[in-house]
Structure formats: C-alpha cells, structure tokens
Amino acid sequence: MIKVNLLPHRQIRRAERQREFGLLAALVAVAAAAVLFLSWTYLHNKIQSQQSRNERLQAEIARLDKEIVVIGTLKQQIQQVLERKQIVENLQSDRNQAVMILDELARQLPEGVYLNSIKQLNDEVELKGVADTNARVATLVHNLADSSLLQTPNLVEIKADTPTAGSKQYAFVLRVTLKRENAPSATPPGKAAAPQAPAKG
C-alpha cells in the first residue's frame, strides 16, 4: 500500500486562499476608501456650494435692507413734500377767499342792510351790522342760506337801536360758515361780476 503525503499541497492551497482573501480584502478596502472619498468630496462640494449660496443670499439681504432703509427715507421725504404741497395748495386756494367772501356778501346783502364789521375765524365768518327793519335781517339770513359760498347762517343777536338822528335801526350779529368744497372760483380779472337785484324787505 502506497502512502501519499498531501500536507504540502494543503498548505500551498491554504496559502493561496489566504493570499486571495488578503487581495480581495485589500480591493474591498480600496473600493470602500474610494467610495468614502467620493462621497466626502461630493458632500464637501455640496456644502461649499450651499455656503456660497448662503453668503450670496446674506449679501443680497443686506443690500435689500439698505434699500428698504433708503425707501423708508424716500417715503418720509415724499410725505413731507406732499404735506408742503398741500399747504401751498391751501394757501393758494385761500388767497382770494377774502375777495370771494366780500363779493358774495355784496351779492346777498339786501337793500337797507349795512355791515359794520366782518370777522373770519377758520371757516366761520361773523357779520355785524344794522338794518332798517327786522324783515331786512330775515331776508339777509334767507339769502345767505341759499348762497353758493356760505351756509348755515345763525342769527346770534338782534336788538333795536335808536341813533341820534332819531330813525330806528336794528343792530344784529350773524354768523355763517364757508362751503370749502363747493366754493366757486374767483372772478377772472377784467370781468365784472354780474349784478344781482337786491331783495326787497
């Protein structure tokens, strides 16, 4: 019977398998390292890109904040300009108001009524004068109620007054309010206002 020693063959085979396993493990380690490196590079690039976008957004937000401050300043300046414009327009519209009031009173004043003083406080005008009769004062109140410039006449006081000449007169105090929204435009220069027939008391 022939005996064959297979021990060297088995050792050689085991050594080859160990070399194959080591080579395979090295390849797996290299592949895993490559995958990890590629993943880290990808994530790092993504993070860098996102940080760059964040920096751009922050710079844009800072720029917009500055523009908002400038816009707020411009709004305040515009508001101030509009307020000044409104003041100028009010002054311009009120420039001829005294002339318009006197013209309207001359139109509405009936015969036999005389004004001694005209006093204006904001939108209220106080008239003081004398009339021949009570009916003349009533006619004046009626005329002012129908006026296109004046409204809501209020007879504050009326009393009989006998001057030194002996003829009886009636002193009165009357208050009216201006119609600012419906106030007529001033009569153009060179054109005389159309005369109105005085009301008969």
C-alpha atoms as a PDB file:
ATOM      1  CA  MET A   1       0.000   0.000   0.000  1.00  0.00           C
ATOM      2  CA  ILE A   2       1.381   3.350  -1.145  1.00  0.00           C
ATOM      3  CA  LYS A   3       1.113   6.299   1.306  1.00  0.00           C
ATOM      4  CA  VAL A   4       0.935   9.836  -0.179  1.00  0.00           C
ATOM      5  CA  ASN A   5       1.760  12.857   1.939  1.00  0.00           C
ATOM      6  CA  LEU A   6      -0.783  15.617   0.974  1.00  0.00           C
ATOM      7  CA  LEU A   7       0.303  18.050   3.699  1.00  0.00           C
ATOM      8  CA  PRO A   8       2.426  20.344   1.483  1.00  0.00           C
ATOM      9  CA  HIS A   9      -0.289  20.524  -1.122  1.00  0.00           C
ATOM     10  CA  ARG A  10      -2.853  21.534   1.513  1.00  0.00           C
ATOM     11  CA  GLN A  11      -0.536  24.158   2.948  1.00  0.00           C
ATOM     12  CA  ILE A  12       0.103  25.578  -0.506  1.00  0.00           C
ATOM     13  CA  ARG A  13      -3.619  25.659  -1.191  1.00  0.00           C
ATOM     14  CA  ARG A  14      -4.337  27.334   2.152  1.00  0.00           C
ATOM     15  CA  ALA A  15      -1.627  29.914   1.492  1.00  0.00           C
ATOM     16  CA  GLU A  16      -3.128  30.700  -1.921  1.00  0.00           C
ATOM     17  CA  ARG A  17      -6.555  31.132  -0.387  1.00  0.00           C
ATOM     18  CA  GLN A  18      -5.114  33.434   2.247  1.00  0.00           C
ATOM     19  CA  ARG A  19      -3.397  35.489  -0.456  1.00  0.00           C
ATOM     20  CA  GLU A  20      -6.654  35.633  -2.434  1.00  0.00           C
ATOM     21  CA  PHE A  21      -8.585  36.687   0.695  1.00  0.00           C
ATOM     22  CA  GLY A  22      -5.983  39.330   1.533  1.00  0.00           C
ATOM     23  CA  LEU A  23      -6.051  40.626  -2.019  1.00  0.00           C
ATOM     24  CA  LEU A  24      -9.853  40.660  -2.012  1.00  0.00           C
ATOM     25  CA  ALA A  25      -9.895  42.407   1.380  1.00  0.00           C
ATOM     26  CA  ALA A  26      -7.416  44.971   0.085  1.00  0.00           C
ATOM     27  CA  LEU A  27      -9.543  45.528  -3.015  1.00  0.00           C
ATOM     28  CA  VAL A  28     -12.646  45.906  -0.846  1.00  0.00           C
ATOM     29  CA  ALA A  29     -10.815  48.339   1.442  1.00  0.00           C
ATOM     30  CA  VAL A  30      -9.583  50.345  -1.536  1.00  0.00           C
ATOM     31  CA  ALA A  31     -13.078  50.360  -3.047  1.00  0.00           C
ATOM     32  CA  ALA A  32     -14.586  51.400   0.281  1.00  0.00           C
ATOM     33  CA  ALA A  33     -11.977  54.138   0.670  1.00  0.00           C
ATOM     34  CA  ALA A  34     -12.677  55.330  -2.879  1.00  0.00           C
ATOM     35  CA  VAL A  35     -16.428  55.360  -2.195  1.00  0.00           C
ATOM     36  CA  LEU A  36     -15.888  57.215   1.060  1.00  0.00           C
ATOM     37  CA  PHE A  37     -13.564  59.699  -0.622  1.00  0.00           C
ATOM     38  CA  LEU A  38     -16.013  60.291  -3.487  1.00  0.00           C
ATOM     39  CA  SER A  39     -18.902  60.663  -1.020  1.00  0.00           C
ATOM     40  CA  TRP A  40     -16.924  63.072   1.145  1.00  0.00           C
ATOM     41  CA  THR A  41     -15.870  65.064  -1.935  1.00  0.00           C
ATOM     42  CA  TYR A  42     -19.484  65.211  -3.171  1.00  0.00           C
ATOM     43  CA  LEU A  43     -20.820  66.268   0.225  1.00  0.00           C
ATOM     44  CA  HIS A  44     -17.991  68.769   0.692  1.00  0.00           C
ATOM     45  CA  ASN A  45     -18.733  70.324  -2.701  1.00  0.00           C
ATOM     46  CA  LYS A  46     -22.434  70.427  -1.860  1.00  0.00           C
ATOM     47  CA  ILE A  47     -21.701  72.108   1.471  1.00  0.00           C
ATOM     48  CA  GLN A  48     -19.354  74.604  -0.178  1.00  0.00           C
ATOM     49  CA  SER A  49     -21.952  75.353  -2.834  1.00  0.00           C
ATOM     50  CA  GLN A  50     -24.679  75.805  -0.207  1.00  0.00           C
ATOM     51  CA  GLN A  51     -22.418  78.037   1.881  1.00  0.00           C
ATOM     52  CA  SER A  52     -21.649  80.096  -1.208  1.00  0.00           C
ATOM     53  CA  ARG A  53     -25.378  80.428  -1.916  1.00  0.00           C
ATOM     54  CA  ASN A  54     -25.999  81.369   1.723  1.00  0.00           C
ATOM     55  CA  GLU A  55     -23.309  84.049   1.525  1.00  0.00           C
ATOM     56  CA  ARG A  56     -24.851  85.436  -1.658  1.00  0.00           C
ATOM     57  CA  LEU A  57     -28.287  85.410  -0.034  1.00  0.00           C
ATOM     58  CA  GLN A  58     -26.962  87.182   3.055  1.00  0.00           C
ATOM     59  CA  ALA A  59     -25.229  89.777   0.881  1.00  0.00           C
ATOM     60  CA  GLU A  60     -28.461  90.269  -1.090  1.00  0.00           C
ATOM     61  CA  ILE A  61     -30.490  90.526   2.122  1.00  0.00           C
ATOM     62  CA  ALA A  62     -28.060  93.133   3.463  1.00  0.00           C
ATOM     63  CA  ARG A  63     -28.353  95.070   0.183  1.00  0.00           C
ATOM     64  CA  LEU A  64     -32.150  94.866   0.308  1.00  0.00           C
ATOM     65  CA  ASP A  65     -32.128  96.025   3.943  1.00  0.00           C
ATOM     66  CA  LYS A  66     -30.148  99.093   2.887  1.00  0.00           C
ATOM     67  CA  GLU A  67     -32.586  99.717   0.023  1.00  0.00           C
ATOM     68  CA  ILE A  68     -35.520  99.363   2.434  1.00  0.00           C
ATOM     69  CA  VAL A  69     -33.949 101.991   4.675  1.00  0.00           C
ATOM     70  CA  VAL A  70     -33.465 104.252   1.638  1.00  0.00           C
ATOM     71  CA  ILE A  71     -37.061 103.610   0.534  1.00  0.00           C
ATOM     72  CA  GLY A  72     -38.309 104.462   4.030  1.00  0.00           C
ATOM     73  CA  THR A  73     -36.342 107.717   3.894  1.00  0.00           C
ATOM     74  CA  LEU A  74     -37.737 108.444   0.437  1.00  0.00           C
ATOM     75  CA  LYS A  75     -41.272 107.782   1.699  1.00  0.00           C
ATOM     76  CA  GLN A  76     -40.745 110.258   4.522  1.00  0.00           C
ATOM     77  CA  GLN A  77     -39.383 112.826   2.074  1.00  0.00           C
ATOM     78  CA  ILE A  78     -42.311 112.217  -0.291  1.00  0.00           C
ATOM     79  CA  GLN A  79     -44.746 112.609   2.617  1.00  0.00           C
ATOM     80  CA  GLN A  80     -43.073 115.868   3.623  1.00  0.00           C
ATOM     81  CA  VAL A  81     -43.211 117.117   0.023  1.00  0.00           C
ATOM     82  CA  LEU A  82     -46.902 116.174  -0.212  1.00  0.00           C
ATOM     83  CA  GLU A  83     -47.630 117.964   3.054  1.00  0.00           C
ATOM     84  CA  ARG A  84     -45.833 121.073   1.809  1.00  0.00           C
ATOM     85  CA  LYS A  85     -47.689 120.803  -1.490  1.00  0.00           C
ATOM     86  CA  GLN A  86     -50.978 120.566   0.389  1.00  0.00           C
ATOM     87  CA  ILE A  87     -50.075 123.636   2.455  1.00  0.00           C
ATOM     88  CA  VAL A  88     -49.177 125.572  -0.705  1.00  0.00           C
ATOM     89  CA  GLU A  89     -52.420 124.474  -2.372  1.00  0.00           C
ATOM     90  CA  ASN A  90     -54.425 125.528   0.682  1.00  0.00           C
ATOM     91  CA  LEU A  91     -52.681 128.900   0.759  1.00  0.00           C
ATOM     92  CA  GLN A  92     -53.260 129.295  -2.957  1.00  0.00           C
ATOM     93  CA  SER A  93     -56.944 128.406  -2.663  1.00  0.00           C
ATOM     94  CA  ASP A  94     -57.380 130.719   0.351  1.00  0.00           C
ATOM     95  CA  ARG A  95     -55.538 133.603  -1.278  1.00  0.00           C
ATOM     96  CA  ASN A  96     -58.651 135.011  -2.928  1.00  0.00           C
ATOM     97  CA  GLN A  97     -61.022 133.892  -0.203  1.00  0.00           C
ATOM     98  CA  ALA A  98     -61.449 137.349   1.327  1.00  0.00           C
ATOM     99  CA  VAL A  99     -62.321 138.798  -2.090  1.00  0.00           C
ATOM    100  CA  MET A 100     -64.772 135.974  -2.731  1.00  0.00           C
ATOM    101  CA  ILE A 101     -66.448 136.477   0.667  1.00  0.00           C
ATOM    102  CA  LEU A 102     -66.814 140.225   0.154  1.00  0.00           C
ATOM    103  CA  ASP A 103     -68.143 139.675  -3.365  1.00  0.00           C
ATOM    104  CA  GLU A 104     -70.666 137.118  -2.138  1.00  0.00           C
ATOM    105  CA  LEU A 105     -71.814 139.362   0.714  1.00  0.00           C
ATOM    106  CA  ALA A 106     -72.269 142.229  -1.720  1.00  0.00           C
ATOM    107  CA  ARG A 107     -74.452 139.954  -3.847  1.00  0.00           C
ATOM    108  CA  GLN A 108     -76.557 138.669  -0.959  1.00  0.00           C
ATOM    109  CA  LEU A 109     -76.867 141.907   1.030  1.00  0.00           C
ATOM    110  CA  PRO A 110     -80.426 143.247   0.681  1.00  0.00           C
ATOM    111  CA  GLU A 111     -81.275 146.931   0.442  1.00  0.00           C
ATOM    112  CA  GLY A 112     -81.436 148.669   3.822  1.00  0.00           C
ATOM    113  CA  VAL A 113     -78.795 146.429   5.460  1.00  0.00           C
ATOM    114  CA  TYR A 114     -75.311 147.775   6.242  1.00  0.00           C
ATOM    115  CA  LEU A 115     -72.350 145.865   7.609  1.00  0.00           C
ATOM    116  CA  ASN A 116     -70.102 147.450  10.220  1.00  0.00           C
ATOM    117  CA  SER A 117     -67.553 144.627  10.598  1.00  0.00           C
ATOM    118  CA  ILE A 118     -66.648 141.274   9.066  1.00  0.00           C
ATOM    119  CA  LYS A 119     -64.531 138.874  11.107  1.00  0.00           C
ATOM    120  CA  GLN A 120     -63.348 135.425   9.976  1.00  0.00           C
ATOM    121  CA  LEU A 121     -62.107 132.584  12.185  1.00  0.00           C
ATOM    122  CA  ASN A 122     -61.211 129.461  10.199  1.00  0.00           C
ATOM    123  CA  ASP A 123     -64.407 128.510   8.349  1.00  0.00           C
ATOM    124  CA  GLU A 124     -66.730 130.801  10.323  1.00  0.00           C
ATOM    125  CA  VAL A 125     -67.480 134.409   9.382  1.00  0.00           C
ATOM    126  CA  GLU A 126     -69.064 136.814  11.853  1.00  0.00           C
ATOM    127  CA  LEU A 127     -71.062 139.727  10.457  1.00  0.00           C
ATOM    128  CA  LYS A 128     -72.051 142.759  12.491  1.00  0.00           C
ATOM    129  CA  GLY A 129     -74.282 145.461  11.071  1.00  0.00           C
ATOM    130  CA  VAL A 130     -77.524 147.372  11.157  1.00  0.00           C
ATOM    131  CA  ALA A 131     -80.782 147.127   9.219  1.00  0.00           C
ATOM    132  CA  ASP A 132     -83.839 149.299   8.733  1.00  0.00           C
ATOM    133  CA  THR A 133     -86.240 146.561   9.821  1.00  0.00           C
ATOM    134  CA  ASN A 134     -86.296 143.027  11.161  1.00  0.00           C
ATOM    135  CA  ALA A 135     -87.552 141.853   7.783  1.00  0.00           C
ATOM    136  CA  ARG A 136     -84.325 143.066   6.134  1.00  0.00           C
ATOM    137  CA  VAL A 137     -82.310 140.896   8.525  1.00  0.00           C
ATOM    138  CA  ALA A 138     -84.588 137.920   7.824  1.00  0.00           C
ATOM    139  CA  THR A 139     -84.060 138.469   4.087  1.00  0.00           C
ATOM    140  CA  LEU A 140     -80.283 138.507   4.620  1.00  0.00           C
ATOM    141  CA  VAL A 141     -80.479 135.217   6.541  1.00  0.00           C
ATOM    142  CA  HIS A 142     -82.570 133.692   3.737  1.00  0.00           C
ATOM    143  CA  ASN A 143     -80.174 134.908   1.038  1.00  0.00           C
ATOM    144  CA  LEU A 144     -77.129 133.534   2.881  1.00  0.00           C
ATOM    145  CA  ALA A 145     -78.860 130.161   3.308  1.00  0.00           C
ATOM    146  CA  ASP A 146     -79.177 129.953  -0.497  1.00  0.00           C
ATOM    147  CA  SER A 147     -75.604 131.149  -1.121  1.00  0.00           C
ATOM    148  CA  SER A 148     -73.157 129.021  -3.108  1.00  0.00           C
ATOM    149  CA  LEU A 149     -70.241 130.094  -0.886  1.00  0.00           C
ATOM    150  CA  LEU A 150     -71.824 130.487   2.570  1.00  0.00           C
ATOM    151  CA  GLN A 151     -74.079 128.182   4.543  1.00  0.00           C
ATOM    152  CA  THR A 152     -75.899 127.673   7.851  1.00  0.00           C
ATOM    153  CA  PRO A 153     -76.490 131.333   8.807  1.00  0.00           C
ATOM    154  CA  ASN A 154     -77.026 131.739  12.532  1.00  0.00           C
ATOM    155  CA  LEU A 155     -78.536 134.954  13.882  1.00  0.00           C
ATOM    156  CA  VAL A 156     -76.747 135.397  17.197  1.00  0.00           C
ATOM    157  CA  GLU A 157     -78.270 138.706  18.280  1.00  0.00           C
ATOM    158  CA  ILE A 158     -80.611 141.419  17.063  1.00  0.00           C
ATOM    159  CA  LYS A 159     -81.697 144.480  19.026  1.00  0.00           C
ATOM    160  CA  ALA A 160     -83.377 147.796  18.351  1.00  0.00           C
ATOM    161  CA  ASP A 161     -81.049 150.775  18.282  1.00  0.00           C
ATOM    162  CA  THR A 162     -82.065 154.430  18.073  1.00  0.00           C
ATOM    163  CA  PRO A 163     -79.198 156.629  16.905  1.00  0.00           C
ATOM    164  CA  THR A 164     -79.002 160.391  17.483  1.00  0.00           C
ATOM    165  CA  ALA A 165     -80.799 161.089  14.192  1.00  0.00           C
ATOM    166  CA  GLY A 166     -83.933 159.551  15.641  1.00  0.00           C
ATOM    167  CA  SER A 167     -84.585 156.862  12.996  1.00  0.00           C
ATOM    168  CA  LYS A 168     -84.953 153.415  14.462  1.00  0.00           C
ATOM    169  CA  GLN A 169     -82.437 150.739  13.397  1.00  0.00           C
ATOM    170  CA  TYR A 170     -81.814 147.127  14.298  1.00  0.00           C
ATOM    171  CA  ALA A 171     -78.255 146.063  15.175  1.00  0.00           C
ATOM    172  CA  PHE A 172     -77.516 142.382  14.543  1.00  0.00           C
ATOM    173  CA  VAL A 173     -74.757 139.817  14.844  1.00  0.00           C
ATOM    174  CA  LEU A 174     -74.835 136.990  12.310  1.00  0.00           C
ATOM    175  CA  ARG A 175     -72.521 134.022  11.824  1.00  0.00           C
ATOM    176  CA  VAL A 176     -72.153 131.926   8.676  1.00  0.00           C
ATOM    177  CA  THR A 177     -69.928 129.018   7.639  1.00  0.00           C
ATOM    178  CA  LEU A 178     -67.873 128.728   4.473  1.00  0.00           C
ATOM    179  CA  LYS A 179     -68.566 125.978   1.951  1.00  0.00           C
ATOM    180  CA  ARG A 180     -64.983 124.958   1.242  1.00  0.00           C
ATOM    181  CA  GLU A 181     -65.703 122.021  -1.036  1.00  0.00           C
ATOM    182  CA  ASN A 182     -68.256 123.826  -3.167  1.00  0.00           C
ATOM    183  CA  ALA A 183     -66.619 127.244  -3.064  1.00  0.00           C
ATOM    184  CA  PRO A 184     -66.854 128.905  -6.509  1.00  0.00           C
ATOM    185  CA  SER A 185     -63.734 130.063  -8.283  1.00  0.00           C
ATOM    186  CA  ALA A 186     -62.773 133.719  -8.081  1.00  0.00           C
ATOM    187  CA  THR A 187     -63.993 136.047 -10.798  1.00  0.00           C
ATOM    188  CA  PRO A 188     -61.290 136.296 -13.509  1.00  0.00           C
ATOM    189  CA  PRO A 189     -59.565 139.660 -13.825  1.00  0.00           C
ATOM    190  CA  GLY A 190     -61.148 142.004 -16.317  1.00  0.00           C
ATOM    191  CA  LYS A 191     -64.630 140.510 -15.882  1.00  0.00           C
ATOM    192  CA  ALA A 192     -67.093 142.239 -13.626  1.00  0.00           C
ATOM    193  CA  ALA A 193     -69.393 140.135 -11.527  1.00  0.00           C
ATOM    194  CA  ALA A 194     -72.967 140.010 -12.749  1.00  0.00           C
ATOM    195  CA  PRO A 195     -75.050 142.296 -10.528  1.00  0.00           C
ATOM    196  CA  GLN A 196     -77.861 140.753  -8.560  1.00  0.00           C
ATOM    197  CA  ALA A 197     -81.044 142.606  -7.874  1.00  0.00           C
ATOM    198  CA  PRO A 198     -81.322 143.338  -4.144  1.00  0.00           C
ATOM    199  CA  ALA A 199     -84.081 141.544  -2.324  1.00  0.00           C
ATOM    200  CA  LYS A 200     -86.920 143.639  -1.173  1.00  0.00           C
ATOM    201  CA  GLY A 201     -87.590 143.543   2.550  1.00  0.00           C
END
